[in-house]
Amino acid sequence: MPAKSVWGALALFFTLTIGICVFAQAPNQKGPEGKPPGSLPGTFTYIPKADIAKVQAAIQNGLPNDSPVRMVDAGGQYNLGIYTLNYSEASKPRPAGAPVNGWYHQDIAEVYYFVSGAGTWRVGGELENPAEDPPDSRSVREVRGPGVIGTMKGYTDQKFSAGDILIVPPGIPHTPGVITEPTRIVRVVIDPHKVMPLFPATGQASAASQKPAAAKPAPSLPGTFTFIPKADIDRVLKEEETPGPSIDRPVRTVDLPNMNWRLGVYVLHSPEMPKTPGVPATSGWYHNNIAEIYYFLQGAGTFMAGGSLDNPASDAPDSYSTRMVRGPSVSGVFRGATNLKFDAGDWLIMPTGVPHTPSQITAVPRDILRIAIDPDKVLPLK
């Protein structure tokens, strides 16, 4: 099927089968002189596990692999996306001596979350005989934006299993390796130049075809990948059972070369039910610099999001939350927020300036993975 018709069929599939939970943010209202506004322009996007499962099932029935679940405008600053890959069976052995073809992205960064399965991912090294990815290909227009393809040399055969994370900045060669059992992956896309089309489509054109091709692309760009095993995530979750300054702690925070951004992986852990019945949170915050993508690992509960903040006030710059967790932020009392219900496997995209906070706990342990996108590098490295 031609790429254009595949994309159209996928958009129609979503229109008919998925209830899209995208909530408009209240317009930016200027407060009294010297006071921060109650919110900044933007929307939050809730993605239930069922929506991802529908795309994975469609892939198994013939939809091209690595297909979008959502690609959204993060408050007008950049695009954030959730894609999924579904390998329904183990891969066939590669013939001895056969070349390993791969690619790197010129614009986007990726975070791979291995939901289930096991195998290897070939990542790093260089591309031999690098060439620009054809701009009219499906990969450029719909999957990864402008990139460079070639034969991979000096790469790492990174083993993965369920619960692991792989961060791939722009310019780092990579490709799927050997899939040893049925595997499902969620791919988080960070698109600073908006080269990827929004999904479901809104009429915004992709900038992918507008980028001039390099005379001779480099075999790679500076930087490296970061692999985070599930054991590291579990260790920090366990550490959060010891009282400390925050239940929102970093697992890893790294720089994204070639973007000059920073990206952090944090976790929140609540091992026990509250002693008194919970009620929806009445106050929360928004961030001035970072955007976030939440993945609900275990448990269930609610999450307050959207609306505006009454009596907004900037967080203390020397507080632990400002220095270590979320950067400069504004706190206040919710007005017009949505109390979202979530279950394990759901995702939530939270742009800069949108009020939010975790709220009620209805099943434990309630474990949340938080991916912090930090264009201004306000978060410390770890």
Protein backbone atom coordinates (compact mmCIF):
# COMPACT_ATOMS: atom_id res chain seq x y z
CA MET A 1 0.00 0.00 0.00
CA PRO A 2 1.44 3.46 -0.85
CA ALA A 3 2.62 5.44 2.17
CA LYS A 4 0.05 8.17 1.59
CA SER A 5 -2.87 5.74 1.68
CA VAL A 6 -1.43 3.97 4.74
CA TRP A 7 -1.34 7.27 6.62
CA GLY A 8 -4.88 8.11 5.53
CA ALA A 9 -6.15 4.70 6.58
CA LEU A 10 -4.50 5.06 9.95
CA ALA A 11 -6.07 8.47 10.51
CA LEU A 12 -9.48 7.09 9.58
CA PHE A 13 -8.92 4.14 11.93
CA PHE A 14 -8.34 6.54 14.81
CA THR A 15 -11.27 8.75 13.94
CA LEU A 16 -13.62 5.79 14.09
CA THR A 17 -12.23 3.81 17.02
CA ILE A 18 -10.52 6.06 19.56
CA GLY A 19 -11.96 8.63 21.89
CA ILE A 20 -9.21 11.24 22.00
CA CYS A 21 -8.75 12.87 25.37
CA VAL A 22 -7.09 16.19 24.57
CA PHE A 23 -8.13 19.03 26.84
CA ALA A 24 -7.80 22.68 25.91
CA GLN A 25 -5.94 24.78 28.40
CA ALA A 26 -7.47 28.01 29.62
CA PRO A 27 -6.09 31.08 27.83
CA ASN A 28 -3.16 32.75 29.49
CA GLN A 29 -4.47 35.33 31.96
CA LYS A 30 -2.09 37.94 33.27
CA GLY A 31 -2.28 38.36 37.00
CA PRO A 32 -1.60 41.47 39.01
CA GLU A 33 1.66 43.21 38.25
CA GLY A 34 4.58 41.07 39.37
CA LYS A 35 2.45 37.93 39.76
CA PRO A 36 2.70 34.86 37.53
CA PRO A 37 -0.32 33.90 35.40
CA GLY A 38 -2.65 31.12 36.46
CA SER A 39 -1.56 28.99 33.49
CA LEU A 40 0.26 29.15 30.16
CA PRO A 41 -1.18 28.25 26.74
CA GLY A 42 -1.27 24.54 26.06
CA THR A 43 -3.18 21.29 26.42
CA PHE A 44 -2.69 18.00 28.19
CA THR A 45 -3.28 14.71 26.40
CA TYR A 46 -4.40 11.53 28.16
CA ILE A 47 -3.70 8.26 26.31
CA PRO A 48 -5.37 5.16 27.78
CA LYS A 49 -3.64 1.81 27.44
CA ALA A 50 -6.53 0.64 25.26
CA ASP A 51 -5.60 3.16 22.55
CA ILE A 52 -2.08 1.78 22.35
CA ALA A 53 -3.40 -1.77 22.31
CA LYS A 54 -5.64 -0.91 19.32
CA VAL A 55 -2.66 0.29 17.29
CA GLN A 56 -0.62 -2.76 18.29
CA ALA A 57 -3.47 -5.01 17.15
CA ALA A 58 -3.70 -3.08 13.87
CA ILE A 59 0.04 -3.60 13.32
CA GLN A 60 -0.44 -7.33 13.79
CA ASN A 61 -3.19 -7.16 11.14
CA GLY A 62 -1.10 -5.34 8.53
CA LEU A 63 -0.61 -1.71 9.62
CA PRO A 64 3.08 -0.76 9.18
CA ASN A 65 5.14 -1.22 12.32
CA ASP A 66 6.21 1.83 14.32
CA SER A 67 2.90 3.66 13.96
CA PRO A 68 1.68 6.75 15.84
CA VAL A 69 -0.78 6.71 18.72
CA ARG A 70 -0.53 10.48 19.23
CA MET A 71 1.68 13.33 18.06
CA VAL A 72 0.69 16.60 19.74
CA ASP A 73 1.74 20.22 19.86
CA ALA A 74 3.26 20.84 23.30
CA GLY A 75 2.04 24.36 23.95
CA GLY A 76 3.26 25.72 20.62
CA GLN A 77 6.92 25.12 21.45
CA TYR A 78 7.61 21.65 20.02
CA ASN A 79 5.86 18.37 19.29
CA LEU A 80 5.70 15.30 21.54
CA GLY A 81 4.59 11.90 20.33
CA ILE A 82 3.76 8.37 21.40
CA TYR A 83 4.40 5.65 18.79
CA THR A 84 4.26 1.90 19.22
CA LEU A 85 6.04 -1.12 17.74
CA ASN A 86 4.72 -4.68 17.86
CA TYR A 87 6.88 -7.70 17.06
CA SER A 88 4.46 -10.62 17.30
CA GLU A 89 7.15 -13.29 16.95
CA ALA A 90 10.89 -13.79 17.31
CA SER A 91 13.00 -12.52 14.43
CA LYS A 92 14.71 -14.89 12.01
CA PRO A 93 18.48 -15.32 12.31
CA ARG A 94 20.52 -12.90 10.22
CA PRO A 95 22.77 -14.57 7.65
CA ALA A 96 26.42 -14.61 8.73
CA GLY A 97 28.29 -11.60 7.40
CA ALA A 98 25.15 -9.80 6.23
CA PRO A 99 25.39 -6.00 6.60
CA VAL A 100 23.46 -4.30 9.40
CA ASN A 101 21.56 -1.34 7.99
CA GLY A 102 20.57 1.47 10.34
CA TRP A 103 19.89 5.18 10.58
CA TYR A 104 20.10 8.22 12.77
CA HIS A 105 17.74 11.17 13.12
CA GLN A 106 18.75 14.74 12.35
CA ASP A 107 16.04 16.36 14.50
CA ILE A 108 14.18 14.08 16.86
CA ALA A 109 15.22 12.35 20.07
CA GLU A 110 13.60 9.12 21.24
CA VAL A 111 12.89 7.26 24.45
CA TYR A 112 12.14 3.58 23.95
CA TYR A 113 10.16 1.89 26.71
CA PHE A 114 10.16 -1.89 26.33
CA VAL A 115 6.71 -2.86 27.57
CA SER A 116 7.14 -6.59 27.05
CA GLY A 117 9.42 -9.10 25.38
CA ALA A 118 13.18 -9.31 25.01
CA GLY A 119 15.94 -9.04 22.45
CA THR A 120 18.68 -6.66 21.36
CA TRP A 121 18.79 -3.14 19.93
CA ARG A 122 21.76 -2.16 17.78
CA VAL A 123 22.83 1.33 18.79
CA GLY A 124 25.85 3.62 18.60
CA GLY A 125 28.93 3.44 16.41
CA GLU A 126 28.88 4.95 12.92
CA LEU A 127 27.21 4.59 9.54
CA GLU A 128 29.35 3.47 6.64
CA ASN A 129 28.46 5.09 3.29
CA PRO A 130 25.94 7.46 4.95
CA ALA A 131 23.23 8.92 2.74
CA GLU A 132 20.22 11.14 3.31
CA ASP A 133 17.02 9.21 3.92
CA PRO A 134 14.76 9.88 0.88
CA PRO A 135 12.48 12.78 1.88
CA ASP A 136 9.39 11.23 0.28
CA SER A 137 9.75 7.92 2.15
CA ARG A 138 7.29 6.86 4.86
CA SER A 139 10.10 6.83 7.39
CA VAL A 140 10.85 10.54 6.85
CA ARG A 141 7.27 11.77 6.44
CA GLU A 142 5.53 9.71 9.12
CA VAL A 143 7.94 7.93 11.46
CA ARG A 144 11.17 9.76 12.22
CA GLY A 145 11.66 12.90 10.14
CA PRO A 146 14.84 13.74 8.21
CA GLY A 147 17.59 11.23 8.82
CA VAL A 148 20.67 9.48 7.51
CA ILE A 149 20.87 5.81 6.54
CA GLY A 150 23.83 3.51 6.06
CA THR A 151 25.59 0.35 7.19
CA MET A 152 26.24 0.25 10.93
CA LYS A 153 29.80 -0.25 12.18
CA GLY A 154 31.12 -0.41 15.75
CA TYR A 155 27.67 -0.54 17.31
CA THR A 156 26.58 -2.04 20.63
CA ASP A 157 24.23 -5.02 20.66
CA GLN A 158 22.27 -3.73 23.63
CA LYS A 159 20.22 -6.43 25.31
CA PHE A 160 16.79 -5.41 26.57
CA SER A 161 13.89 -6.97 28.42
CA ALA A 162 10.51 -5.77 29.69
CA GLY A 163 10.70 -2.58 31.76
CA ASP A 164 14.02 -1.32 30.35
CA ILE A 165 14.46 2.14 28.78
CA LEU A 166 16.70 3.30 25.93
CA ILE A 167 17.35 7.02 25.25
CA VAL A 168 18.57 7.82 21.72
CA PRO A 169 19.52 11.46 20.97
CA PRO A 170 19.65 12.84 17.40
CA GLY A 171 22.67 11.67 15.45
CA ILE A 172 23.10 8.28 17.14
CA PRO A 173 22.85 5.32 14.71
CA HIS A 174 20.44 2.58 15.71
CA THR A 175 18.15 -0.17 14.44
CA PRO A 176 16.23 -3.11 15.91
CA GLY A 177 18.43 -6.13 16.53
CA VAL A 178 17.41 -9.70 17.33
CA ILE A 179 13.92 -10.07 18.79
CA THR A 180 13.98 -13.25 20.90
CA GLU A 181 10.31 -13.31 21.94
CA PRO A 182 7.12 -11.37 21.13
CA THR A 183 7.86 -7.74 22.00
CA ARG A 184 5.87 -4.54 22.36
CA ILE A 185 7.51 -1.14 22.58
CA VAL A 186 6.33 2.40 23.20
CA ARG A 187 8.51 5.01 21.47
CA VAL A 188 8.39 8.53 22.90
CA VAL A 189 9.31 11.13 20.26
CA ILE A 190 10.69 14.56 21.15
CA ASP A 191 10.45 16.80 18.09
CA PRO A 192 11.99 20.24 18.72
CA HIS A 193 11.59 21.52 15.14
CA LYS A 194 8.13 20.06 14.47
CA VAL A 195 9.29 17.93 11.56
CA MET A 196 6.70 15.26 12.36
CA PRO A 197 3.01 15.62 11.46
CA LEU A 198 0.48 15.82 14.27
CA PHE A 199 -1.60 12.71 14.78
CA PRO A 200 -4.51 12.44 14.43
CA ALA A 201 -4.03 14.99 11.68
CA THR A 202 -5.08 18.58 12.31
CA GLY A 203 -3.98 20.15 9.04
CA GLN A 204 -0.52 21.18 10.28
CA ALA A 205 2.06 20.38 7.63
CA SER A 206 5.25 18.56 8.54
CA ALA A 207 8.46 20.52 8.09
CA ALA A 208 10.36 17.35 7.15
CA SER A 209 10.52 18.10 3.44
CA GLN A 210 11.60 21.69 4.04
CA LYS A 211 15.01 20.88 5.56
CA PRO A 212 17.87 21.22 3.04
CA ALA A 213 19.94 18.07 2.57
CA ALA A 214 23.57 18.10 3.64
CA ALA A 215 26.17 17.83 0.85
CA LYS A 216 27.63 14.74 2.54
CA PRO A 217 26.11 13.56 5.81
CA ALA A 218 28.34 12.61 8.71
CA PRO A 219 28.59 8.94 9.75
CA SER A 220 27.25 9.99 13.17
CA LEU A 221 26.87 13.08 15.33
CA PRO A 222 28.46 13.72 18.75
CA GLY A 223 26.90 12.02 21.75
CA THR A 224 25.91 8.61 22.98
CA PHE A 225 22.86 6.57 23.93
CA THR A 226 21.71 5.85 27.50
CA PHE A 227 20.38 2.47 28.58
CA ILE A 228 18.41 2.28 31.84
CA PRO A 229 17.72 -1.27 33.03
CA LYS A 230 14.52 -2.00 34.90
CA ALA A 231 16.67 -2.90 37.93
CA ASP A 232 17.76 0.75 38.21
CA ILE A 233 14.15 1.92 38.15
CA ASP A 234 13.13 -0.66 40.75
CA ARG A 235 16.03 0.37 42.99
CA VAL A 236 14.92 4.01 43.09
CA LEU A 237 11.30 2.97 43.67
CA LYS A 238 12.48 0.95 46.67
CA GLU A 239 14.59 3.87 47.96
CA GLU A 240 11.44 6.01 48.00
CA GLU A 241 10.07 3.86 50.82
CA THR A 242 12.70 5.53 53.01
CA PRO A 243 11.50 9.01 54.05
CA GLY A 244 13.23 11.78 52.17
CA PRO A 245 12.71 15.25 50.72
CA SER A 246 10.52 13.99 47.86
CA ILE A 247 8.71 10.91 46.57
CA ASP A 248 9.61 12.08 43.04
CA ARG A 249 13.24 11.06 42.51
CA PRO A 250 15.55 10.85 39.49
CA VAL A 251 16.74 7.59 38.00
CA ARG A 252 18.82 9.29 35.31
CA THR A 253 19.10 12.78 33.83
CA VAL A 254 21.20 13.19 30.69
CA ASP A 255 22.11 15.76 28.07
CA LEU A 256 20.82 15.35 24.52
CA PRO A 257 23.71 16.40 22.25
CA ASN A 258 22.87 18.06 18.93
CA MET A 259 19.69 19.45 20.54
CA ASN A 260 21.37 21.05 23.54
CA TRP A 261 18.45 19.88 25.66
CA ARG A 262 18.31 17.70 28.76
CA LEU A 263 16.07 14.73 29.52
CA GLY A 264 15.31 13.08 32.84
CA VAL A 265 13.68 9.83 33.92
CA TYR A 266 12.06 10.06 37.37
CA VAL A 267 9.81 7.78 39.40
CA LEU A 268 7.09 8.32 42.00
CA HIS A 269 6.23 5.53 44.45
CA SER A 270 3.33 5.17 46.86
CA PRO A 271 3.44 1.71 48.49
CA GLU A 272 0.41 1.99 50.80
CA MET A 273 -3.15 3.21 50.66
CA PRO A 274 -3.83 6.50 52.50
CA LYS A 275 -5.05 6.06 56.07
CA THR A 276 -8.05 8.25 55.31
CA PRO A 277 -10.15 8.20 52.11
CA GLY A 278 -8.59 10.42 49.50
CA VAL A 279 -10.32 13.39 47.94
CA PRO A 280 -9.32 15.16 44.72
CA ALA A 281 -6.32 17.44 45.16
CA THR A 282 -7.24 21.09 45.52
CA SER A 283 -3.85 22.61 44.71
CA GLY A 284 -1.06 21.92 42.28
CA TRP A 285 1.55 23.55 40.06
CA TYR A 286 2.79 24.10 36.55
CA HIS A 287 6.34 24.25 35.24
CA ASN A 288 7.93 27.27 33.58
CA ASN A 289 10.53 25.30 31.63
CA ILE A 290 9.98 21.56 31.49
CA ALA A 291 7.32 19.41 29.86
CA GLU A 292 6.54 15.91 31.11
CA ILE A 293 5.27 12.56 29.91
CA TYR A 294 3.87 10.29 32.61
CA TYR A 295 3.60 6.52 32.33
CA PHE A 296 1.57 4.74 34.98
CA LEU A 297 3.57 1.62 35.86
CA GLN A 298 1.41 0.04 38.57
CA GLY A 299 -1.66 0.74 40.63
CA ALA A 300 -4.48 3.14 39.90
CA GLY A 301 -5.76 6.54 40.96
CA THR A 302 -6.51 10.00 39.69
CA PHE A 303 -4.46 12.90 38.38
CA MET A 304 -5.57 16.54 38.44
CA ALA A 305 -4.73 18.40 35.23
CA GLY A 306 -5.62 21.52 33.31
CA GLY A 307 -7.68 24.55 34.21
CA SER A 308 -5.90 27.41 35.92
CA LEU A 309 -4.41 28.28 39.31
CA ASP A 310 -5.97 30.79 41.68
CA ASN A 311 -3.54 32.81 43.79
CA PRO A 312 -0.55 31.64 41.74
CA ALA A 313 2.87 32.11 43.31
CA SER A 314 6.34 31.17 42.10
CA ASP A 315 7.94 28.30 43.97
CA ALA A 316 10.91 29.19 46.17
CA PRO A 317 14.05 28.99 43.99
CA ASP A 318 16.02 27.26 46.75
CA SER A 319 13.38 24.59 47.45
CA TYR A 320 14.18 20.93 46.78
CA SER A 321 11.39 20.68 44.19
CA THR A 322 12.75 23.64 42.21
CA ARG A 323 16.38 22.56 42.38
CA MET A 324 16.05 18.81 41.94
CA VAL A 325 12.62 17.76 40.67
CA ARG A 326 10.85 20.18 38.36
CA GLY A 327 12.77 23.43 37.95
CA PRO A 328 11.13 26.86 38.27
CA SER A 329 7.38 26.38 38.77
CA VAL A 330 4.22 28.14 39.90
CA SER A 331 1.87 26.75 42.57
CA GLY A 332 -1.71 27.64 43.45
CA VAL A 333 -5.29 26.45 43.96
CA PHE A 334 -6.98 24.57 41.10
CA ARG A 335 -9.80 26.17 39.21
CA GLY A 336 -11.48 24.21 36.41
CA ALA A 337 -9.09 21.24 36.52
CA THR A 338 -10.01 17.72 35.36
CA ASN A 339 -9.71 14.81 37.79
CA LEU A 340 -8.43 12.11 35.40
CA LYS A 341 -8.74 8.46 36.33
CA PHE A 342 -5.74 6.33 35.38
CA ASP A 343 -4.74 2.68 35.41
CA ALA A 344 -1.48 0.86 34.81
CA GLY A 345 -0.38 1.21 31.18
CA ASP A 346 -1.90 4.67 30.59
CA TRP A 347 0.16 7.68 29.41
CA LEU A 348 -0.25 11.43 30.01
CA ILE A 349 1.47 14.25 28.10
CA MET A 350 1.83 17.45 30.16
CA PRO A 351 3.26 20.51 28.35
CA THR A 352 4.94 23.43 30.04
CA GLY A 353 2.51 25.76 31.82
CA VAL A 354 -0.37 23.30 32.33
CA PRO A 355 -1.42 22.94 36.02
CA HIS A 356 -1.35 19.41 37.41
CA THR A 357 -0.58 17.10 40.34
CA PRO A 358 -1.01 13.43 41.25
CA SER A 359 -4.24 13.14 43.21
CA GLN A 360 -6.10 10.16 44.68
CA ILE A 361 -4.66 6.65 45.15
CA THR A 362 -7.13 3.81 44.54
CA ALA A 363 -4.79 0.79 44.11
CA VAL A 364 -1.24 0.20 45.35
CA PRO A 365 1.61 0.15 44.83
CA ARG A 366 1.04 3.28 42.76
CA ASP A 367 4.19 3.66 40.68
CA ILE A 368 4.59 6.39 38.07
CA LEU A 369 7.39 6.92 35.56
CA ARG A 370 7.96 10.58 34.69
CA ILE A 371 9.95 11.65 31.62
CA ALA A 372 11.03 15.29 31.98
CA ILE A 373 11.80 17.19 28.75
CA ASP A 374 14.09 20.08 29.66
CA PRO A 375 15.00 22.44 26.77
CA ASP A 376 16.58 25.00 29.13
CA LYS A 377 18.64 22.54 31.21
CA VAL A 378 17.16 23.63 34.55
CA LEU A 379 17.39 20.11 36.02
CA PRO A 380 20.67 18.71 37.38
CA LEU A 381 22.38 15.77 35.71
CA LYS A 382 22.33 12.39 37.44
